[in-house]
N, C-alpha and C. Protein backbone atom coordinates (compact mmCIF):
# COMPACT_ATOMS: atom_id res chain seq x y z
N MET A 1 -8.82 -17.48 -14.04
CA MET A 1 -8.69 -16.05 -13.83
C MET A 1 -8.37 -15.78 -12.37
N ALA A 2 -7.46 -14.86 -12.15
CA ALA A 2 -7.08 -14.49 -10.79
C ALA A 2 -8.21 -13.72 -10.11
N ASP A 3 -8.32 -13.89 -8.80
CA ASP A 3 -9.33 -13.15 -8.05
C ASP A 3 -8.70 -12.28 -6.97
N LYS A 4 -7.36 -12.21 -6.99
CA LYS A 4 -6.67 -11.41 -5.98
C LYS A 4 -5.61 -10.55 -6.65
N LEU A 5 -5.51 -9.30 -6.18
CA LEU A 5 -4.50 -8.37 -6.64
C LEU A 5 -3.61 -8.01 -5.45
N VAL A 6 -2.32 -8.21 -5.61
CA VAL A 6 -1.35 -7.78 -4.61
C VAL A 6 -0.52 -6.66 -5.21
N ILE A 7 -0.53 -5.52 -4.56
CA ILE A 7 0.27 -4.38 -4.99
C ILE A 7 1.41 -4.23 -4.00
N VAL A 8 2.63 -4.40 -4.51
CA VAL A 8 3.82 -4.26 -3.67
C VAL A 8 4.44 -2.91 -3.95
N MET A 9 4.43 -2.06 -2.95
CA MET A 9 5.05 -0.74 -3.07
C MET A 9 6.40 -0.80 -2.39
N VAL A 10 7.45 -0.91 -3.20
CA VAL A 10 8.80 -1.03 -2.68
C VAL A 10 9.71 0.07 -3.24
N ASN A 11 9.53 0.46 -4.48
CA ASN A 11 10.37 1.46 -5.11
C ASN A 11 9.72 2.83 -5.15
N THR A 12 8.50 2.92 -4.68
CA THR A 12 7.78 4.18 -4.68
C THR A 12 8.32 5.07 -3.58
N ASP A 13 8.72 6.27 -3.94
CA ASP A 13 9.37 7.18 -2.99
C ASP A 13 8.39 8.25 -2.51
N PRO A 14 8.07 8.26 -1.22
CA PRO A 14 7.16 9.29 -0.69
C PRO A 14 7.65 10.71 -0.94
N ALA A 15 8.94 10.88 -1.21
CA ALA A 15 9.46 12.21 -1.50
C ALA A 15 9.06 12.68 -2.91
N ASN A 16 8.53 11.76 -3.72
CA ASN A 16 8.05 12.10 -5.06
C ASN A 16 6.56 11.76 -5.13
N PRO A 17 5.71 12.65 -4.64
CA PRO A 17 4.28 12.35 -4.51
C PRO A 17 3.59 11.94 -5.80
N SER A 18 4.10 12.35 -6.95
CA SER A 18 3.44 11.98 -8.21
C SER A 18 3.46 10.47 -8.44
N GLU A 19 4.33 9.74 -7.74
CA GLU A 19 4.41 8.29 -7.86
C GLU A 19 3.36 7.57 -7.02
N LEU A 20 2.70 8.27 -6.12
CA LEU A 20 1.86 7.62 -5.12
C LEU A 20 0.40 7.43 -5.52
N GLY A 21 -0.08 8.15 -6.48
CA GLY A 21 -1.50 8.08 -6.83
C GLY A 21 -1.93 6.76 -7.42
N ALA A 22 -1.26 6.31 -8.47
CA ALA A 22 -1.69 5.12 -9.22
C ALA A 22 -1.88 3.88 -8.35
N PRO A 23 -0.94 3.52 -7.47
CA PRO A 23 -1.15 2.31 -6.69
C PRO A 23 -2.42 2.35 -5.83
N PHE A 24 -2.69 3.48 -5.20
CA PHE A 24 -3.86 3.58 -4.34
C PHE A 24 -5.15 3.67 -5.15
N PHE A 25 -5.11 4.37 -6.29
CA PHE A 25 -6.29 4.44 -7.15
C PHE A 25 -6.63 3.06 -7.68
N GLN A 26 -5.62 2.33 -8.16
CA GLN A 26 -5.87 1.00 -8.72
C GLN A 26 -6.35 0.03 -7.65
N ALA A 27 -5.79 0.13 -6.47
CA ALA A 27 -6.23 -0.74 -5.37
C ALA A 27 -7.70 -0.48 -5.03
N THR A 28 -8.07 0.78 -4.96
CA THR A 28 -9.46 1.14 -4.64
C THR A 28 -10.42 0.65 -5.71
N VAL A 29 -10.06 0.84 -6.96
CA VAL A 29 -10.93 0.39 -8.05
C VAL A 29 -11.07 -1.13 -8.03
N ALA A 30 -9.96 -1.84 -7.87
CA ALA A 30 -10.03 -3.31 -7.85
C ALA A 30 -10.89 -3.81 -6.69
N ALA A 31 -10.75 -3.21 -5.52
CA ALA A 31 -11.58 -3.61 -4.38
C ALA A 31 -13.05 -3.30 -4.65
N SER A 32 -13.31 -2.19 -5.30
CA SER A 32 -14.69 -1.82 -5.65
C SER A 32 -15.29 -2.79 -6.66
N MET A 33 -14.43 -3.47 -7.42
CA MET A 33 -14.87 -4.47 -8.40
C MET A 33 -14.96 -5.86 -7.76
N ASP A 34 -14.87 -5.90 -6.43
CA ASP A 34 -15.00 -7.13 -5.65
C ASP A 34 -13.82 -8.08 -5.77
N TYR A 35 -12.66 -7.57 -6.14
CA TYR A 35 -11.45 -8.38 -6.07
C TYR A 35 -10.87 -8.28 -4.66
N GLU A 36 -10.19 -9.32 -4.24
CA GLU A 36 -9.44 -9.26 -2.99
C GLU A 36 -8.16 -8.47 -3.29
N VAL A 37 -7.88 -7.45 -2.49
CA VAL A 37 -6.75 -6.57 -2.78
C VAL A 37 -5.91 -6.37 -1.52
N GLU A 38 -4.61 -6.53 -1.69
CA GLU A 38 -3.65 -6.23 -0.63
C GLU A 38 -2.63 -5.25 -1.15
N VAL A 39 -2.27 -4.28 -0.33
CA VAL A 39 -1.17 -3.38 -0.62
C VAL A 39 -0.10 -3.67 0.42
N ILE A 40 1.08 -4.04 -0.07
CA ILE A 40 2.20 -4.33 0.81
C ILE A 40 3.18 -3.17 0.72
N LEU A 41 3.41 -2.53 1.85
CA LEU A 41 4.32 -1.40 1.94
C LEU A 41 5.66 -1.89 2.48
N THR A 42 6.71 -1.64 1.73
CA THR A 42 8.04 -2.08 2.13
C THR A 42 9.07 -1.14 1.54
N GLY A 43 10.31 -1.30 1.95
CA GLY A 43 11.36 -0.41 1.45
C GLY A 43 11.05 1.04 1.75
N ARG A 44 11.40 1.90 0.82
CA ARG A 44 11.18 3.34 0.99
C ARG A 44 9.69 3.66 1.16
N ALA A 45 8.84 2.94 0.46
CA ALA A 45 7.39 3.19 0.55
C ALA A 45 6.83 2.79 1.91
N GLY A 46 7.56 1.99 2.66
CA GLY A 46 7.11 1.58 3.99
C GLY A 46 6.92 2.75 4.93
N GLU A 47 7.58 3.85 4.65
CA GLU A 47 7.43 5.04 5.50
C GLU A 47 5.99 5.53 5.51
N LEU A 48 5.23 5.24 4.46
CA LEU A 48 3.82 5.66 4.40
C LEU A 48 2.98 4.99 5.48
N ALA A 49 3.45 3.88 6.02
CA ALA A 49 2.72 3.17 7.07
C ALA A 49 2.89 3.83 8.44
N LYS A 50 3.85 4.71 8.54
CA LYS A 50 4.14 5.37 9.82
C LYS A 50 3.13 6.50 10.07
N VAL A 51 2.61 6.55 11.27
CA VAL A 51 1.65 7.59 11.65
C VAL A 51 2.24 8.98 11.37
N GLY A 52 1.45 9.83 10.71
CA GLY A 52 1.82 11.22 10.49
C GLY A 52 2.57 11.50 9.20
N ILE A 53 3.00 10.49 8.48
CA ILE A 53 3.76 10.71 7.26
C ILE A 53 2.85 10.98 6.06
N ALA A 54 1.99 10.03 5.73
CA ALA A 54 1.12 10.16 4.54
C ALA A 54 0.16 11.34 4.67
N GLU A 55 -0.13 11.75 5.91
CA GLU A 55 -1.03 12.90 6.14
C GLU A 55 -0.43 14.20 5.63
N LYS A 56 0.88 14.26 5.53
CA LYS A 56 1.58 15.48 5.14
C LYS A 56 1.96 15.51 3.66
N ILE A 57 1.59 14.46 2.92
CA ILE A 57 1.98 14.36 1.52
C ILE A 57 0.74 14.55 0.65
N PHE A 58 0.88 15.39 -0.36
CA PHE A 58 -0.21 15.67 -1.30
C PHE A 58 0.28 15.35 -2.71
N LEU A 59 -0.57 14.76 -3.55
CA LEU A 59 -0.16 14.32 -4.87
C LEU A 59 0.34 15.47 -5.74
N HIS A 60 -0.23 16.64 -5.56
CA HIS A 60 0.22 17.81 -6.30
C HIS A 60 -0.20 19.06 -5.54
N MET A 61 0.43 20.17 -5.89
CA MET A 61 0.11 21.43 -5.21
C MET A 61 -1.36 21.77 -5.45
N GLY A 62 -2.01 22.23 -4.41
CA GLY A 62 -3.41 22.61 -4.51
C GLY A 62 -4.38 21.49 -4.20
N ASN A 63 -3.87 20.26 -4.12
CA ASN A 63 -4.74 19.14 -3.79
C ASN A 63 -5.06 19.22 -2.29
N THR A 64 -6.33 19.12 -1.95
CA THR A 64 -6.73 19.23 -0.55
C THR A 64 -6.77 17.87 0.15
N ARG A 65 -6.63 16.79 -0.62
CA ARG A 65 -6.65 15.44 -0.04
C ARG A 65 -5.22 14.92 0.05
N SER A 66 -4.89 14.44 1.23
CA SER A 66 -3.55 13.90 1.44
C SER A 66 -3.47 12.46 0.93
N VAL A 67 -2.27 11.96 0.82
CA VAL A 67 -2.06 10.56 0.46
C VAL A 67 -2.76 9.67 1.48
N TYR A 68 -2.74 10.07 2.74
CA TYR A 68 -3.43 9.29 3.76
C TYR A 68 -4.93 9.22 3.48
N ASP A 69 -5.51 10.29 2.97
CA ASP A 69 -6.94 10.27 2.60
C ASP A 69 -7.19 9.21 1.54
N TYR A 70 -6.30 9.10 0.56
CA TYR A 70 -6.45 8.09 -0.48
C TYR A 70 -6.26 6.68 0.09
N MET A 71 -5.36 6.54 1.04
CA MET A 71 -5.15 5.24 1.68
C MET A 71 -6.39 4.83 2.48
N LYS A 72 -6.97 5.79 3.20
CA LYS A 72 -8.19 5.50 3.97
C LYS A 72 -9.34 5.13 3.04
N GLU A 73 -9.45 5.81 1.91
CA GLU A 73 -10.49 5.49 0.94
C GLU A 73 -10.31 4.06 0.41
N ALA A 74 -9.08 3.68 0.13
CA ALA A 74 -8.80 2.31 -0.32
C ALA A 74 -9.18 1.31 0.76
N TYR A 75 -8.80 1.61 1.98
CA TYR A 75 -9.12 0.72 3.11
C TYR A 75 -10.63 0.55 3.26
N GLU A 76 -11.35 1.65 3.15
CA GLU A 76 -12.81 1.60 3.27
C GLU A 76 -13.45 0.80 2.12
N ALA A 77 -12.77 0.75 0.97
CA ALA A 77 -13.26 -0.03 -0.16
C ALA A 77 -12.96 -1.52 0.00
N GLY A 78 -12.13 -1.86 1.00
CA GLY A 78 -11.82 -3.26 1.26
C GLY A 78 -10.37 -3.65 1.07
N VAL A 79 -9.52 -2.70 0.75
CA VAL A 79 -8.10 -2.99 0.57
C VAL A 79 -7.47 -3.29 1.92
N VAL A 80 -6.65 -4.33 1.95
CA VAL A 80 -5.92 -4.73 3.16
C VAL A 80 -4.49 -4.21 3.03
N PHE A 81 -4.03 -3.48 4.04
CA PHE A 81 -2.67 -2.96 4.04
C PHE A 81 -1.79 -3.80 4.95
N LYS A 82 -0.61 -4.15 4.44
CA LYS A 82 0.37 -4.93 5.20
C LYS A 82 1.74 -4.28 5.05
N VAL A 83 2.60 -4.52 6.02
CA VAL A 83 3.99 -4.06 5.93
C VAL A 83 4.92 -5.25 6.09
N CYS A 84 6.06 -5.16 5.44
CA CYS A 84 7.10 -6.18 5.60
C CYS A 84 7.88 -5.89 6.88
N THR A 85 8.32 -6.95 7.51
CA THR A 85 9.05 -6.84 8.77
C THR A 85 10.21 -5.84 8.72
N PRO A 86 11.06 -5.82 7.67
CA PRO A 86 12.16 -4.85 7.64
C PRO A 86 11.70 -3.39 7.70
N THR A 87 10.46 -3.15 7.30
CA THR A 87 9.92 -1.79 7.36
C THR A 87 9.92 -1.27 8.79
N LEU A 88 9.62 -2.16 9.73
CA LEU A 88 9.60 -1.75 11.13
C LEU A 88 10.99 -1.35 11.61
N ASP A 89 12.03 -2.02 11.10
CA ASP A 89 13.40 -1.66 11.45
C ASP A 89 13.76 -0.28 10.91
N LEU A 90 13.25 0.04 9.72
CA LEU A 90 13.55 1.33 9.10
C LEU A 90 12.76 2.48 9.70
N TRP A 91 11.46 2.27 9.89
CA TRP A 91 10.57 3.39 10.20
C TRP A 91 9.88 3.27 11.56
N GLY A 92 10.09 2.20 12.30
CA GLY A 92 9.47 2.04 13.61
C GLY A 92 8.13 1.35 13.52
N ASP A 93 7.53 1.14 14.68
CA ASP A 93 6.28 0.38 14.72
C ASP A 93 5.06 1.22 15.08
N ASN A 94 5.16 2.54 14.98
CA ASN A 94 4.01 3.41 15.21
C ASN A 94 3.25 3.52 13.88
N LEU A 95 2.40 2.53 13.61
CA LEU A 95 1.78 2.40 12.30
C LEU A 95 0.35 2.94 12.27
N ILE A 96 -0.06 3.36 11.08
CA ILE A 96 -1.44 3.81 10.89
C ILE A 96 -2.39 2.64 11.17
N PRO A 97 -3.59 2.91 11.62
CA PRO A 97 -4.51 1.82 11.97
C PRO A 97 -4.95 0.98 10.78
N GLU A 98 -4.79 1.46 9.57
CA GLU A 98 -5.19 0.71 8.39
C GLU A 98 -4.25 -0.46 8.10
N VAL A 99 -3.06 -0.45 8.68
CA VAL A 99 -2.14 -1.57 8.51
C VAL A 99 -2.59 -2.69 9.45
N THR A 100 -2.94 -3.83 8.87
CA THR A 100 -3.52 -4.91 9.66
C THR A 100 -2.58 -6.05 9.96
N GLU A 101 -1.42 -6.08 9.28
CA GLU A 101 -0.55 -7.24 9.46
C GLU A 101 0.89 -6.90 9.08
N THR A 102 1.81 -7.54 9.76
CA THR A 102 3.22 -7.48 9.40
C THR A 102 3.57 -8.84 8.80
N ILE A 103 4.20 -8.81 7.65
CA ILE A 103 4.50 -10.06 6.94
C ILE A 103 5.99 -10.10 6.59
N GLY A 104 6.45 -11.28 6.18
CA GLY A 104 7.84 -11.45 5.79
C GLY A 104 7.97 -11.68 4.29
N SER A 105 9.21 -11.84 3.86
CA SER A 105 9.50 -12.03 2.44
C SER A 105 8.86 -13.30 1.89
N ALA A 106 8.81 -14.36 2.68
CA ALA A 106 8.22 -15.61 2.20
C ALA A 106 6.76 -15.41 1.82
N TYR A 107 6.04 -14.57 2.56
CA TYR A 107 4.64 -14.30 2.23
C TYR A 107 4.54 -13.61 0.87
N VAL A 108 5.39 -12.61 0.65
CA VAL A 108 5.36 -11.88 -0.62
C VAL A 108 5.64 -12.83 -1.78
N ILE A 109 6.65 -13.67 -1.63
CA ILE A 109 7.00 -14.61 -2.70
C ILE A 109 5.87 -15.60 -2.94
N SER A 110 5.29 -16.14 -1.88
CA SER A 110 4.23 -17.14 -2.07
C SER A 110 3.00 -16.52 -2.73
N GLU A 111 2.66 -15.30 -2.39
CA GLU A 111 1.53 -14.63 -3.03
C GLU A 111 1.83 -14.33 -4.50
N ALA A 112 3.03 -13.85 -4.78
CA ALA A 112 3.40 -13.53 -6.15
C ALA A 112 3.40 -14.76 -7.05
N MET A 113 3.71 -15.91 -6.48
CA MET A 113 3.78 -17.15 -7.26
C MET A 113 2.45 -17.87 -7.37
N SER A 114 1.45 -17.42 -6.65
CA SER A 114 0.14 -18.08 -6.65
C SER A 114 -0.59 -17.87 -7.98
N ASP A 115 -1.21 -18.94 -8.49
CA ASP A 115 -1.97 -18.85 -9.74
C ASP A 115 -3.18 -17.92 -9.62
N GLY A 116 -3.71 -17.76 -8.42
CA GLY A 116 -4.90 -16.95 -8.23
C GLY A 116 -4.63 -15.49 -7.96
N THR A 117 -3.35 -15.10 -8.05
CA THR A 117 -2.96 -13.73 -7.70
C THR A 117 -2.27 -13.04 -8.86
N VAL A 118 -2.62 -11.79 -9.08
CA VAL A 118 -1.88 -10.91 -9.98
C VAL A 118 -1.11 -9.95 -9.10
N THR A 119 0.15 -9.72 -9.41
CA THR A 119 0.99 -8.85 -8.59
C THR A 119 1.46 -7.65 -9.41
N PHE A 120 1.21 -6.47 -8.87
CA PHE A 120 1.76 -5.22 -9.45
C PHE A 120 2.83 -4.74 -8.50
N THR A 121 3.89 -4.19 -9.04
CA THR A 121 4.92 -3.58 -8.19
C THR A 121 5.12 -2.13 -8.59
N TYR A 122 5.34 -1.33 -7.60
CA TYR A 122 5.59 0.11 -7.80
C TYR A 122 6.81 0.49 -7.00
């Protein structure tokens, strides 16, 4: 049985907030269940790693909690946030403090291929 969950957010578009809830909710729940959890932000979703972006996005009208609030909750539950190197080229290196590491494609592939890891993509 796998003991690690890697969530790769690559196709999730911050311009469509309804897409953003599930990955962060699932990451938080998995971490609360004592699984090792990483969320890798890359592609269009990599913009969420930039300071000031996720703070301005809300899952739906009337919601008082921003996407950044959900990201902080996941982080506090033990979720590790990482960004892929190309994300820095797209969005810059002014990253939220919850992002702990910059990784490359080889890392993503090696984690996805590991027997001890389950990988979700969004």
